């Protein structure tokens, strides 16, 4: 099969964390989301266990409660980050990121849909391999979900700050013990026509060959 690589590359290179451009007023089509989850289930999973679960939230009251926990966590995190780097002036790009992150924190409870990618099991402090397998069994699928949503005009952002209040959020959502929530994806149709590639360090500066620190040169 011949793929349209331009279209594939475009989706991969322009899938951004959408915050300020989430349309807070337009409901997200349930059938479209279910189709995207079906696509996400084709992602790899450790030992083919397929222990993933997806909690989709549209209830306004529950969203508002989750949003308050997220907002409290974000402002606590932002305060610590600011104190840890005194005198450093953020770059223009970082200022935009901070501004959009603050906007999302202030409006998280208003997004039309939240999706919580979950996986059976819990992290084990004594087993890095088990932890890698645990998160490696849900993160690829969650990213596939975000790509599938992006291709259909729906934006999302990978967030985890609500996990500072994991117990409280799990109680709101009815998530049982033994389940790990990998992220909170605020989901909405995005405004505007397109997204640009982000500024990134060139791959050649980040890629080593055969041994750490050895670049191809």
N, C-alpha and C. Protein backbone atom coordinates (compact mmCIF):
# COMPACT_ATOMS: atom_id res chain seq x y z
N UNK A 1 0.85 -1.20 0.00
CA UNK A 1 0.00 0.00 0.00
C UNK A 1 0.87 1.24 0.00
N UNK A 2 0.55 2.17 -0.85
CA UNK A 2 1.28 3.43 -0.91
C UNK A 2 0.59 4.47 -0.03
N UNK A 3 1.32 5.00 0.95
CA UNK A 3 0.78 6.02 1.84
C UNK A 3 1.08 7.40 1.28
N UNK A 4 0.18 8.33 1.58
CA UNK A 4 0.45 9.73 1.28
C UNK A 4 1.31 10.27 2.42
N UNK A 5 2.63 10.18 2.24
CA UNK A 5 3.53 10.54 3.32
C UNK A 5 3.41 12.00 3.72
N UNK A 6 3.07 12.86 2.80
CA UNK A 6 2.91 14.27 3.15
C UNK A 6 1.79 14.45 4.18
N UNK A 7 0.69 13.75 3.97
CA UNK A 7 -0.43 13.86 4.91
C UNK A 7 -0.07 13.22 6.25
N UNK A 8 0.57 12.06 6.20
CA UNK A 8 0.97 11.38 7.44
C UNK A 8 1.94 12.26 8.23
N UNK A 9 2.96 12.77 7.55
CA UNK A 9 3.95 13.61 8.22
C UNK A 9 3.31 14.88 8.77
N UNK A 10 2.35 15.43 8.03
CA UNK A 10 1.69 16.65 8.48
C UNK A 10 0.95 16.42 9.79
N UNK A 11 0.22 15.33 9.90
CA UNK A 11 -0.49 15.03 11.14
C UNK A 11 0.50 14.83 12.28
N UNK A 12 1.58 14.09 12.02
CA UNK A 12 2.56 13.81 13.06
C UNK A 12 3.28 15.07 13.52
N UNK A 13 3.59 15.96 12.59
CA UNK A 13 4.38 17.13 12.92
C UNK A 13 3.55 18.30 13.44
N UNK A 14 2.26 18.24 13.30
CA UNK A 14 1.43 19.38 13.72
C UNK A 14 0.40 19.00 14.79
N UNK A 15 0.56 17.83 15.40
CA UNK A 15 -0.31 17.48 16.52
C UNK A 15 0.26 18.12 17.77
N UNK A 16 -0.33 19.21 18.17
CA UNK A 16 0.13 20.01 19.29
C UNK A 16 -0.74 19.77 20.51
N UNK A 17 -0.23 20.16 21.68
CA UNK A 17 -1.08 20.25 22.86
C UNK A 17 -1.97 21.47 22.69
N UNK A 18 -3.26 21.24 22.58
CA UNK A 18 -4.21 22.33 22.31
C UNK A 18 -4.79 22.81 23.64
N UNK A 19 -4.66 24.09 23.91
CA UNK A 19 -5.15 24.64 25.15
C UNK A 19 -6.07 25.84 24.89
N UNK A 20 -5.49 26.93 24.44
CA UNK A 20 -6.29 28.14 24.21
C UNK A 20 -7.26 27.99 23.05
N UNK A 21 -6.97 27.09 22.14
CA UNK A 21 -7.79 26.95 20.93
C UNK A 21 -8.82 25.83 21.04
N UNK A 22 -9.06 25.33 22.23
CA UNK A 22 -10.14 24.37 22.44
C UNK A 22 -11.47 25.12 22.41
N UNK A 23 -12.41 24.65 21.61
CA UNK A 23 -13.73 25.27 21.55
C UNK A 23 -14.55 24.75 22.74
N UNK A 24 -14.73 25.60 23.73
CA UNK A 24 -15.39 25.20 24.97
C UNK A 24 -16.91 25.13 24.83
N UNK A 25 -17.45 25.56 23.70
CA UNK A 25 -18.90 25.65 23.55
C UNK A 25 -19.50 24.55 22.67
N UNK A 26 -18.67 23.83 21.95
CA UNK A 26 -19.18 22.86 20.97
C UNK A 26 -19.04 21.43 21.50
N UNK A 27 -20.12 20.70 21.64
CA UNK A 27 -20.02 19.30 22.09
C UNK A 27 -19.19 18.47 21.13
N UNK A 28 -18.49 17.49 21.67
CA UNK A 28 -17.69 16.58 20.86
C UNK A 28 -18.52 15.37 20.51
N UNK A 29 -18.50 14.99 19.24
CA UNK A 29 -19.31 13.89 18.76
C UNK A 29 -18.86 12.57 19.38
N UNK A 30 -19.78 11.90 20.06
CA UNK A 30 -19.48 10.64 20.75
C UNK A 30 -19.02 9.56 19.78
N UNK A 31 -19.69 9.44 18.62
CA UNK A 31 -19.34 8.40 17.67
C UNK A 31 -17.95 8.60 17.10
N UNK A 32 -17.58 9.85 16.89
CA UNK A 32 -16.23 10.15 16.39
C UNK A 32 -15.18 9.72 17.42
N UNK A 33 -15.43 10.02 18.68
CA UNK A 33 -14.49 9.65 19.73
C UNK A 33 -14.37 8.13 19.84
N UNK A 34 -15.49 7.43 19.74
CA UNK A 34 -15.43 5.97 19.81
C UNK A 34 -14.64 5.39 18.65
N UNK A 35 -14.76 5.98 17.47
CA UNK A 35 -13.97 5.52 16.33
C UNK A 35 -12.48 5.75 16.60
N UNK A 36 -12.15 6.88 17.20
CA UNK A 36 -10.75 7.17 17.51
C UNK A 36 -10.20 6.22 18.56
N UNK A 37 -11.03 5.84 19.52
CA UNK A 37 -10.59 4.86 20.52
C UNK A 37 -10.37 3.50 19.86
N UNK A 38 -11.24 3.13 18.93
CA UNK A 38 -11.03 1.88 18.20
C UNK A 38 -9.69 1.88 17.48
N UNK A 39 -9.34 3.01 16.90
CA UNK A 39 -8.04 3.14 16.23
C UNK A 39 -6.91 3.01 17.25
N UNK A 40 -7.07 3.65 18.40
CA UNK A 40 -6.04 3.63 19.44
C UNK A 40 -5.77 2.22 19.94
N UNK A 41 -6.79 1.36 19.91
CA UNK A 41 -6.63 0.00 20.41
C UNK A 41 -5.75 -0.87 19.52
N UNK A 42 -5.33 -0.35 18.39
CA UNK A 42 -4.38 -1.07 17.54
C UNK A 42 -2.93 -0.81 17.95
N UNK A 43 -2.73 0.01 18.95
CA UNK A 43 -1.37 0.31 19.42
C UNK A 43 -0.79 -0.91 20.14
N UNK A 44 0.54 -0.96 20.28
CA UNK A 44 1.16 -2.08 21.00
C UNK A 44 0.83 -2.03 22.48
N UNK A 45 0.85 -3.20 23.11
CA UNK A 45 0.59 -3.31 24.54
C UNK A 45 1.42 -4.46 25.09
N UNK A 46 1.96 -4.29 26.29
CA UNK A 46 2.87 -5.27 26.87
C UNK A 46 2.26 -6.66 26.96
N UNK A 47 2.96 -7.65 26.41
CA UNK A 47 2.52 -9.05 26.41
C UNK A 47 1.14 -9.23 25.78
N UNK A 48 0.73 -8.25 24.99
CA UNK A 48 -0.60 -8.25 24.36
C UNK A 48 -1.72 -8.43 25.39
N UNK A 49 -1.53 -7.88 26.58
CA UNK A 49 -2.53 -8.04 27.63
C UNK A 49 -3.77 -7.17 27.39
N UNK A 50 -3.57 -6.05 26.70
CA UNK A 50 -4.66 -5.14 26.39
C UNK A 50 -5.42 -4.73 27.66
N UNK A 51 -4.66 -4.34 28.66
CA UNK A 51 -5.25 -3.97 29.93
C UNK A 51 -5.69 -2.52 30.01
N UNK A 52 -5.88 -1.91 28.85
CA UNK A 52 -6.25 -0.50 28.83
C UNK A 52 -7.74 -0.31 29.09
N UNK A 53 -8.06 0.84 29.65
CA UNK A 53 -9.44 1.27 29.84
C UNK A 53 -9.49 2.75 29.50
N UNK A 54 -10.65 3.20 29.07
CA UNK A 54 -10.82 4.61 28.70
C UNK A 54 -12.06 5.15 29.41
N UNK A 55 -11.87 6.16 30.23
CA UNK A 55 -13.01 6.78 30.89
C UNK A 55 -13.28 8.12 30.21
N UNK A 56 -14.44 8.24 29.60
CA UNK A 56 -14.82 9.46 28.88
C UNK A 56 -15.82 10.21 29.75
N UNK A 57 -15.52 11.47 30.04
CA UNK A 57 -16.33 12.26 30.96
C UNK A 57 -16.92 13.48 30.26
N UNK A 58 -18.26 13.60 30.33
CA UNK A 58 -18.94 14.79 29.82
C UNK A 58 -19.85 15.42 30.85
N UNK A 59 -20.03 14.78 32.00
CA UNK A 59 -20.89 15.30 33.05
C UNK A 59 -20.34 16.62 33.59
N UNK A 60 -21.15 17.67 33.53
CA UNK A 60 -20.68 19.01 33.86
C UNK A 60 -20.23 19.13 35.31
N UNK A 61 -20.98 18.55 36.22
CA UNK A 61 -20.63 18.66 37.64
C UNK A 61 -19.31 17.96 37.95
N UNK A 62 -19.14 16.77 37.41
CA UNK A 62 -17.89 16.04 37.65
C UNK A 62 -16.71 16.75 36.99
N UNK A 63 -16.91 17.26 35.78
CA UNK A 63 -15.84 18.00 35.11
C UNK A 63 -15.41 19.20 35.93
N UNK A 64 -16.37 19.91 36.49
CA UNK A 64 -16.06 21.09 37.30
C UNK A 64 -15.22 20.72 38.51
N UNK A 65 -15.55 19.61 39.15
CA UNK A 65 -14.79 19.18 40.33
C UNK A 65 -13.36 18.79 39.95
N UNK A 66 -13.25 18.01 38.87
CA UNK A 66 -11.92 17.64 38.39
C UNK A 66 -11.13 18.88 38.00
N UNK A 67 -11.81 19.82 37.36
CA UNK A 67 -11.16 21.06 36.94
C UNK A 67 -10.60 21.85 38.11
N UNK A 68 -11.30 21.88 39.23
CA UNK A 68 -10.82 22.59 40.40
C UNK A 68 -9.56 21.93 40.96
N UNK A 69 -9.55 20.61 41.01
CA UNK A 69 -8.34 19.92 41.47
C UNK A 69 -7.17 20.19 40.52
N UNK A 70 -7.44 20.16 39.23
CA UNK A 70 -6.39 20.43 38.25
C UNK A 70 -5.86 21.85 38.42
N UNK A 71 -6.76 22.80 38.58
CA UNK A 71 -6.35 24.21 38.73
C UNK A 71 -5.49 24.40 39.97
N UNK A 72 -5.90 23.82 41.09
CA UNK A 72 -5.11 23.93 42.31
C UNK A 72 -3.72 23.33 42.11
N UNK A 73 -3.66 22.18 41.45
CA UNK A 73 -2.39 21.52 41.22
C UNK A 73 -1.50 22.34 40.30
N UNK A 74 -2.10 22.94 39.26
CA UNK A 74 -1.29 23.71 38.32
C UNK A 74 -0.68 24.94 38.98
N UNK A 75 -1.45 25.66 39.75
CA UNK A 75 -0.92 26.87 40.38
C UNK A 75 0.12 26.53 41.44
N UNK A 76 -0.06 25.40 42.13
CA UNK A 76 0.98 24.97 43.07
C UNK A 76 2.27 24.62 42.32
N UNK A 77 2.12 23.90 41.21
CA UNK A 77 3.28 23.53 40.39
C UNK A 77 3.96 24.76 39.81
N UNK A 78 3.18 25.70 39.31
CA UNK A 78 3.74 26.92 38.70
C UNK A 78 4.50 27.73 39.73
N UNK A 79 4.00 27.77 40.96
CA UNK A 79 4.70 28.51 42.01
C UNK A 79 6.04 27.91 42.35
N UNK A 80 6.09 26.59 42.43
CA UNK A 80 7.35 25.90 42.72
C UNK A 80 8.33 26.10 41.58
N UNK A 81 7.85 25.99 40.33
CA UNK A 81 8.73 26.16 39.17
C UNK A 81 9.32 27.56 39.12
N UNK A 82 8.51 28.56 39.47
CA UNK A 82 9.00 29.94 39.44
C UNK A 82 10.07 30.17 40.51
N UNK A 83 9.89 29.56 41.67
CA UNK A 83 10.87 29.74 42.76
C UNK A 83 12.16 29.00 42.48
N UNK A 84 12.11 27.97 41.65
CA UNK A 84 13.30 27.15 41.41
C UNK A 84 14.25 27.77 40.39
N UNK A 85 13.82 28.81 39.70
CA UNK A 85 14.68 29.41 38.67
C UNK A 85 14.68 30.94 38.81
N UNK A 86 15.18 31.47 39.94
CA UNK A 86 15.17 32.92 40.15
C UNK A 86 16.06 33.64 39.16
N UNK A 87 15.57 34.75 38.64
CA UNK A 87 16.37 35.59 37.76
C UNK A 87 16.43 35.13 36.32
N UNK A 88 15.91 33.96 36.01
CA UNK A 88 15.95 33.49 34.63
C UNK A 88 14.75 34.01 33.87
N UNK A 89 15.00 34.62 32.73
CA UNK A 89 13.93 35.16 31.90
C UNK A 89 13.48 34.09 30.91
N UNK A 90 12.20 33.68 30.96
CA UNK A 90 11.73 32.65 30.03
C UNK A 90 11.82 33.13 28.58
N UNK A 91 12.05 32.21 27.67
CA UNK A 91 12.07 32.54 26.26
C UNK A 91 10.67 32.92 25.80
N UNK A 92 10.58 33.51 24.61
CA UNK A 92 9.27 33.90 24.08
C UNK A 92 8.38 32.68 23.92
N UNK A 93 8.97 31.56 23.45
CA UNK A 93 8.19 30.35 23.29
C UNK A 93 7.68 29.84 24.64
N UNK A 94 8.55 29.86 25.66
CA UNK A 94 8.14 29.38 26.98
C UNK A 94 7.07 30.28 27.58
N UNK A 95 7.15 31.57 27.32
CA UNK A 95 6.10 32.47 27.81
C UNK A 95 4.75 32.11 27.19
N UNK A 96 4.76 31.74 25.91
CA UNK A 96 3.51 31.33 25.27
C UNK A 96 2.99 30.03 25.87
N UNK A 97 3.90 29.11 26.16
CA UNK A 97 3.50 27.84 26.77
C UNK A 97 2.89 28.08 28.15
N UNK A 98 3.54 28.92 28.94
CA UNK A 98 3.04 29.22 30.29
C UNK A 98 1.67 29.87 30.21
N UNK A 99 1.51 30.82 29.28
CA UNK A 99 0.23 31.50 29.13
C UNK A 99 -0.88 30.53 28.75
N UNK A 100 -0.60 29.62 27.81
CA UNK A 100 -1.63 28.68 27.38
C UNK A 100 -1.91 27.65 28.48
N UNK A 101 -0.87 27.26 29.22
CA UNK A 101 -1.07 26.31 30.31
C UNK A 101 -1.92 26.93 31.42
N UNK A 102 -1.69 28.20 31.69
CA UNK A 102 -2.50 28.88 32.70
C UNK A 102 -3.95 28.99 32.23
N UNK A 103 -4.13 29.28 30.98
CA UNK A 103 -5.49 29.37 30.43
C UNK A 103 -6.21 28.03 30.60
N UNK A 104 -5.52 26.95 30.27
CA UNK A 104 -6.15 25.64 30.40
C UNK A 104 -6.49 25.34 31.86
N UNK A 105 -5.58 25.68 32.77
CA UNK A 105 -5.85 25.46 34.19
C UNK A 105 -7.10 26.21 34.63
N UNK A 106 -7.26 27.43 34.15
CA UNK A 106 -8.40 28.25 34.54
C UNK A 106 -9.71 27.75 33.93
N UNK A 107 -9.61 27.01 32.81
CA UNK A 107 -10.82 26.60 32.10
C UNK A 107 -10.98 25.09 31.98
N UNK A 108 -10.14 24.33 32.67
CA UNK A 108 -10.19 22.88 32.52
C UNK A 108 -11.59 22.33 32.77
N UNK A 109 -12.26 22.82 33.78
CA UNK A 109 -13.58 22.31 34.11
C UNK A 109 -14.66 22.62 33.10
N UNK A 110 -14.33 23.46 32.10
CA UNK A 110 -15.31 23.87 31.10
C UNK A 110 -15.19 23.11 29.79
N UNK A 111 -14.16 22.29 29.63
CA UNK A 111 -13.98 21.59 28.36
C UNK A 111 -15.17 20.65 28.14
N UNK A 112 -15.60 20.46 26.90
CA UNK A 112 -16.77 19.62 26.65
C UNK A 112 -16.56 18.15 26.98
N UNK A 113 -15.30 17.70 26.95
CA UNK A 113 -15.04 16.28 27.21
C UNK A 113 -13.66 16.11 27.82
N UNK A 114 -13.57 15.19 28.76
CA UNK A 114 -12.29 14.74 29.29
C UNK A 114 -12.16 13.25 29.02
N UNK A 115 -10.98 12.82 28.62
CA UNK A 115 -10.73 11.40 28.45
C UNK A 115 -9.56 11.01 29.35
N UNK A 116 -9.76 9.95 30.12
CA UNK A 116 -8.74 9.45 31.03
C UNK A 116 -8.25 8.10 30.52
N UNK A 117 -7.05 8.05 29.92
CA UNK A 117 -6.49 6.76 29.52
C UNK A 117 -5.99 6.03 30.77
N UNK A 118 -6.49 4.83 30.99
CA UNK A 118 -6.15 4.06 32.18
C UNK A 118 -5.60 2.69 31.78
N UNK A 119 -4.92 2.07 32.74
CA UNK A 119 -4.37 0.74 32.48
C UNK A 119 -4.43 -0.07 33.77
N UNK A 120 -4.67 -1.35 33.64
CA UNK A 120 -4.71 -2.24 34.80
C UNK A 120 -3.32 -2.37 35.39
N UNK A 121 -3.23 -2.22 36.72
CA UNK A 121 -1.95 -2.35 37.41
C UNK A 121 -1.52 -1.04 38.04
N UNK A 122 -0.49 -1.13 38.89
CA UNK A 122 0.06 0.04 39.55
C UNK A 122 1.58 0.01 39.44
N UNK A 123 2.19 1.18 39.54
CA UNK A 123 3.65 1.27 39.46
C UNK A 123 4.29 0.57 40.65
N UNK A 124 5.47 0.04 40.41
CA UNK A 124 6.22 -0.70 41.42
C UNK A 124 7.57 -0.02 41.60
N UNK A 125 7.81 0.55 42.78
CA UNK A 125 9.03 1.32 43.01
C UNK A 125 10.29 0.49 42.85
N UNK A 126 10.20 -0.82 43.02
CA UNK A 126 11.38 -1.67 42.97
C UNK A 126 11.61 -2.31 41.61
N UNK A 127 10.78 -1.99 40.63
CA UNK A 127 10.91 -2.65 39.33
C UNK A 127 10.77 -1.66 38.18
N UNK A 128 11.88 -1.04 37.76
CA UNK A 128 11.82 -0.13 36.61
C UNK A 128 11.26 -0.81 35.36
N UNK A 129 11.58 -2.09 35.16
CA UNK A 129 11.10 -2.79 33.98
C UNK A 129 9.59 -2.91 34.00
N UNK A 130 9.04 -3.23 35.17
CA UNK A 130 7.59 -3.36 35.29
C UNK A 130 6.90 -2.02 35.06
N UNK A 131 7.51 -0.95 35.57
CA UNK A 131 6.92 0.37 35.40
C UNK A 131 6.94 0.78 33.92
N UNK A 132 8.07 0.49 33.26
CA UNK A 132 8.15 0.80 31.83
C UNK A 132 7.09 0.04 31.05
N UNK A 133 6.88 -1.22 31.42
CA UNK A 133 5.86 -2.01 30.74
C UNK A 133 4.47 -1.51 31.03
N UNK A 134 4.23 -1.07 32.26
CA UNK A 134 2.91 -0.56 32.64
C UNK A 134 2.55 0.67 31.80
N UNK A 135 3.40 1.67 31.85
CA UNK A 135 3.09 2.90 31.10
C UNK A 135 3.25 2.70 29.60
N UNK A 136 4.16 1.80 29.22
CA UNK A 136 4.32 1.51 27.80
C UNK A 136 3.13 0.79 27.20
N UNK A 137 2.23 0.31 28.06
CA UNK A 137 1.03 -0.38 27.57
C UNK A 137 -0.16 0.55 27.42
N UNK A 138 -0.01 1.82 27.78
CA UNK A 138 -1.13 2.76 27.61
C UNK A 138 -0.72 4.02 26.86
N UNK A 139 0.53 4.48 27.03
CA UNK A 139 0.92 5.74 26.40
C UNK A 139 0.88 5.66 24.87
N UNK A 140 1.38 4.59 24.22
CA UNK A 140 1.27 4.55 22.76
C UNK A 140 -0.17 4.62 22.27
N UNK A 141 -1.08 3.94 22.97
CA UNK A 141 -2.48 3.98 22.58
C UNK A 141 -3.07 5.37 22.78
N UNK A 142 -2.71 6.02 23.88
CA UNK A 142 -3.22 7.37 24.14
C UNK A 142 -2.73 8.36 23.09
N UNK A 143 -1.47 8.20 22.67
CA UNK A 143 -0.95 9.08 21.63
C UNK A 143 -1.63 8.81 20.30
N UNK A 144 -1.88 7.54 20.00
CA UNK A 144 -2.64 7.22 18.78
C UNK A 144 -4.02 7.86 18.82
N UNK A 145 -4.63 7.86 20.00
CA UNK A 145 -5.93 8.51 20.15
C UNK A 145 -5.83 9.99 19.83
N UNK A 146 -4.81 10.65 20.33
CA UNK A 146 -4.65 12.09 20.08
C UNK A 146 -4.42 12.37 18.60
N UNK A 147 -3.66 11.49 17.94
CA UNK A 147 -3.42 11.66 16.50
C UNK A 147 -4.71 11.47 15.71
N UNK A 148 -5.49 10.46 16.09
CA UNK A 148 -6.74 10.21 15.39
C UNK A 148 -7.72 11.36 15.60
N UNK A 149 -7.78 11.90 16.80
CA UNK A 149 -8.62 13.06 17.07
C UNK A 149 -8.16 14.26 16.23
N UNK A 150 -6.85 14.48 16.21
CA UNK A 150 -6.29 15.61 15.46
C UNK A 150 -6.69 15.55 13.99
N UNK A 151 -6.67 14.35 13.42
CA UNK A 151 -7.01 14.19 12.01
C UNK A 151 -8.47 14.52 11.73
N UNK A 152 -9.28 14.57 12.79
CA UNK A 152 -10.71 14.84 12.64
C UNK A 152 -11.10 16.21 13.18
N UNK A 153 -10.11 17.08 13.37
CA UNK A 153 -10.39 18.44 13.80
C UNK A 153 -10.64 18.59 15.29
N UNK A 154 -10.21 17.60 16.07
CA UNK A 154 -10.43 17.62 17.51
C UNK A 154 -9.07 17.71 18.20
N UNK A 155 -8.95 18.67 19.10
CA UNK A 155 -7.69 18.89 19.81
C UNK A 155 -7.71 18.26 21.18
N UNK A 156 -6.52 18.07 21.73
CA UNK A 156 -6.36 17.53 23.08
C UNK A 156 -5.02 18.00 23.62
N UNK A 157 -4.81 17.79 24.90
CA UNK A 157 -3.52 18.10 25.53
C UNK A 157 -3.21 17.00 26.53
N UNK A 158 -1.95 16.58 26.53
CA UNK A 158 -1.53 15.56 27.49
C UNK A 158 -1.27 16.27 28.82
N UNK A 159 -2.07 15.99 29.84
CA UNK A 159 -1.88 16.59 31.15
C UNK A 159 -1.90 15.51 32.22
N UNK A 160 -1.20 15.78 33.33
CA UNK A 160 -1.13 14.81 34.43
C UNK A 160 -1.26 15.46 35.80
N UNK A 161 -1.41 16.78 35.86
CA UNK A 161 -1.37 17.47 37.15
C UNK A 161 -2.53 17.11 38.07
N UNK A 162 -3.61 16.62 37.52
CA UNK A 162 -4.72 16.21 38.39
C UNK A 162 -4.32 15.04 39.29
N UNK A 163 -3.24 14.34 38.92
CA UNK A 163 -2.81 13.19 39.70
C UNK A 163 -2.22 13.58 41.05
N UNK A 164 -1.99 14.88 41.27
CA UNK A 164 -1.65 15.32 42.62
C UNK A 164 -2.82 15.06 43.56
N UNK A 165 -4.00 14.93 42.97
CA UNK A 165 -5.21 14.61 43.73
C UNK A 165 -5.82 13.32 43.17
N UNK A 166 -4.97 12.33 42.97
CA UNK A 166 -5.42 11.09 42.34
C UNK A 166 -6.56 10.44 43.12
N UNK A 167 -6.41 10.34 44.44
CA UNK A 167 -7.43 9.68 45.25
C UNK A 167 -8.77 10.38 45.12
N UNK A 168 -8.76 11.72 45.22
CA UNK A 168 -9.99 12.48 45.14
C UNK A 168 -10.65 12.36 43.77
N UNK A 169 -9.82 12.44 42.72
CA UNK A 169 -10.37 12.33 41.37
C UNK A 169 -10.90 10.92 41.10
N UNK A 170 -10.19 9.91 41.61
CA UNK A 170 -10.67 8.54 41.42
C UNK A 170 -12.02 8.33 42.11
N UNK A 171 -12.21 8.96 43.25
CA UNK A 171 -13.49 8.84 43.94
C UNK A 171 -14.61 9.49 43.12
N UNK A 172 -14.33 10.63 42.53
CA UNK A 172 -15.32 11.30 41.69
C UNK A 172 -15.70 10.42 40.50
N UNK A 173 -14.69 9.78 39.92
CA UNK A 173 -14.89 9.02 38.69
C UNK A 173 -15.23 7.55 38.93
N UNK A 174 -15.12 7.10 40.17
CA UNK A 174 -15.39 5.71 40.45
C UNK A 174 -14.31 4.76 39.97
N UNK A 175 -13.08 5.26 39.80
CA UNK A 175 -11.98 4.41 39.34
C UNK A 175 -11.52 3.53 40.50
N UNK A 176 -11.50 2.21 40.32
CA UNK A 176 -11.18 1.30 41.43
C UNK A 176 -9.68 1.23 41.72
N UNK A 177 -9.36 0.67 42.88
CA UNK A 177 -7.96 0.40 43.22
C UNK A 177 -7.40 -0.59 42.19
N UNK A 178 -6.11 -0.48 41.97
CA UNK A 178 -5.47 -1.38 41.02
C UNK A 178 -5.47 -0.88 39.59
N UNK A 179 -6.02 0.32 39.38
CA UNK A 179 -6.03 0.93 38.05
C UNK A 179 -5.17 2.19 38.08
N UNK A 180 -4.33 2.36 37.07
CA UNK A 180 -3.50 3.55 36.94
C UNK A 180 -4.07 4.47 35.87
N UNK A 181 -4.27 5.72 36.22
CA UNK A 181 -4.65 6.74 35.24
C UNK A 181 -3.38 7.38 34.71
N UNK A 182 -3.14 7.26 33.42
CA UNK A 182 -1.90 7.77 32.84
C UNK A 182 -1.95 9.25 32.56
N UNK A 183 -3.15 9.79 32.30
CA UNK A 183 -3.24 11.20 31.91
C UNK A 183 -4.69 11.66 31.97
N UNK A 184 -4.86 12.93 31.84
CA UNK A 184 -6.16 13.56 31.63
C UNK A 184 -6.07 14.33 30.32
N UNK A 185 -6.87 13.94 29.34
CA UNK A 185 -6.88 14.62 28.05
C UNK A 185 -8.11 15.52 27.96
N UNK A 186 -7.95 16.85 28.04
CA UNK A 186 -9.07 17.73 27.73
C UNK A 186 -9.31 17.71 26.23
N UNK A 187 -10.52 17.46 25.81
CA UNK A 187 -10.82 17.20 24.40
C UNK A 187 -11.90 18.15 23.91
N UNK A 188 -11.65 18.77 22.74
CA UNK A 188 -12.63 19.67 22.14
C UNK A 188 -12.25 19.91 20.69
N UNK A 189 -13.23 20.27 19.88
CA UNK A 189 -12.91 20.73 18.53
C UNK A 189 -12.04 21.97 18.66
N UNK A 190 -11.02 22.06 17.81
CA UNK A 190 -10.15 23.23 17.93
C UNK A 190 -10.59 24.31 16.96
N UNK A 191 -10.29 25.54 17.33
CA UNK A 191 -10.61 26.70 16.51
C UNK A 191 -9.42 27.00 15.60
N UNK A 192 -9.69 27.66 14.48
CA UNK A 192 -8.63 27.95 13.52
C UNK A 192 -8.46 26.81 12.54
N UNK A 193 -7.64 27.05 11.55
CA UNK A 193 -7.51 26.10 10.45
C UNK A 193 -6.41 25.07 10.64
N UNK A 194 -5.32 25.46 11.25
CA UNK A 194 -4.17 24.56 11.24
C UNK A 194 -3.23 24.88 12.38
N UNK A 195 -2.21 24.04 12.53
CA UNK A 195 -1.15 24.24 13.50
C UNK A 195 0.20 24.16 12.79
N UNK A 196 1.19 24.81 13.37
CA UNK A 196 2.51 24.82 12.79
C UNK A 196 3.41 23.81 13.51
N UNK A 197 4.52 23.49 12.85
CA UNK A 197 5.54 22.69 13.51
C UNK A 197 6.12 23.50 14.67
N UNK A 198 6.47 22.81 15.74
CA UNK A 198 7.08 23.47 16.90
C UNK A 198 8.58 23.62 16.69
N UNK A 199 9.16 24.57 17.39
CA UNK A 199 10.62 24.70 17.39
C UNK A 199 11.21 23.58 18.23
N UNK A 200 12.09 22.82 17.66
CA UNK A 200 12.72 21.71 18.35
C UNK A 200 14.22 21.70 18.09
N UNK A 201 14.97 21.13 19.02
CA UNK A 201 16.41 20.92 18.82
C UNK A 201 16.58 19.93 17.68
N UNK A 202 17.51 20.17 16.74
CA UNK A 202 17.71 19.24 15.63
C UNK A 202 17.97 17.82 16.10
N UNK A 203 17.42 16.86 15.37
CA UNK A 203 17.55 15.45 15.75
C UNK A 203 19.01 15.02 15.84
N UNK A 204 19.86 15.59 14.98
CA UNK A 204 21.27 15.21 14.98
C UNK A 204 21.97 15.54 16.28
N UNK A 205 21.44 16.52 17.03
CA UNK A 205 22.05 16.89 18.31
C UNK A 205 21.55 16.02 19.46
N UNK A 206 20.54 15.25 19.21
CA UNK A 206 19.91 14.46 20.28
C UNK A 206 20.06 12.96 20.07
N UNK A 207 20.63 12.57 18.93
CA UNK A 207 20.69 11.16 18.57
C UNK A 207 22.12 10.65 18.63
N UNK A 208 22.34 9.59 19.39
CA UNK A 208 23.66 8.97 19.50
C UNK A 208 23.65 7.64 18.77
N UNK A 209 24.81 7.29 18.25
CA UNK A 209 24.95 6.05 17.50
C UNK A 209 25.97 5.14 18.18
N UNK A 210 25.53 3.94 18.48
CA UNK A 210 26.36 2.86 19.02
C UNK A 210 26.79 3.07 20.48
N UNK A 211 27.00 4.31 20.92
CA UNK A 211 27.41 4.57 22.30
C UNK A 211 26.95 5.96 22.71
N UNK A 212 26.65 6.13 23.99
CA UNK A 212 26.16 7.42 24.48
C UNK A 212 27.16 8.53 24.17
N UNK A 213 26.64 9.61 23.59
CA UNK A 213 27.47 10.76 23.28
C UNK A 213 28.08 10.72 21.91
N UNK A 214 27.96 9.61 21.21
CA UNK A 214 28.55 9.48 19.89
C UNK A 214 27.52 9.86 18.82
N UNK A 215 27.74 11.01 18.20
CA UNK A 215 26.84 11.45 17.15
C UNK A 215 27.42 11.08 15.80
N UNK A 216 26.55 11.00 14.81
CA UNK A 216 27.00 10.66 13.47
C UNK A 216 27.50 11.92 12.80
N UNK A 217 28.78 11.98 12.59
CA UNK A 217 29.21 13.22 12.16
C UNK A 217 30.11 13.54 11.16
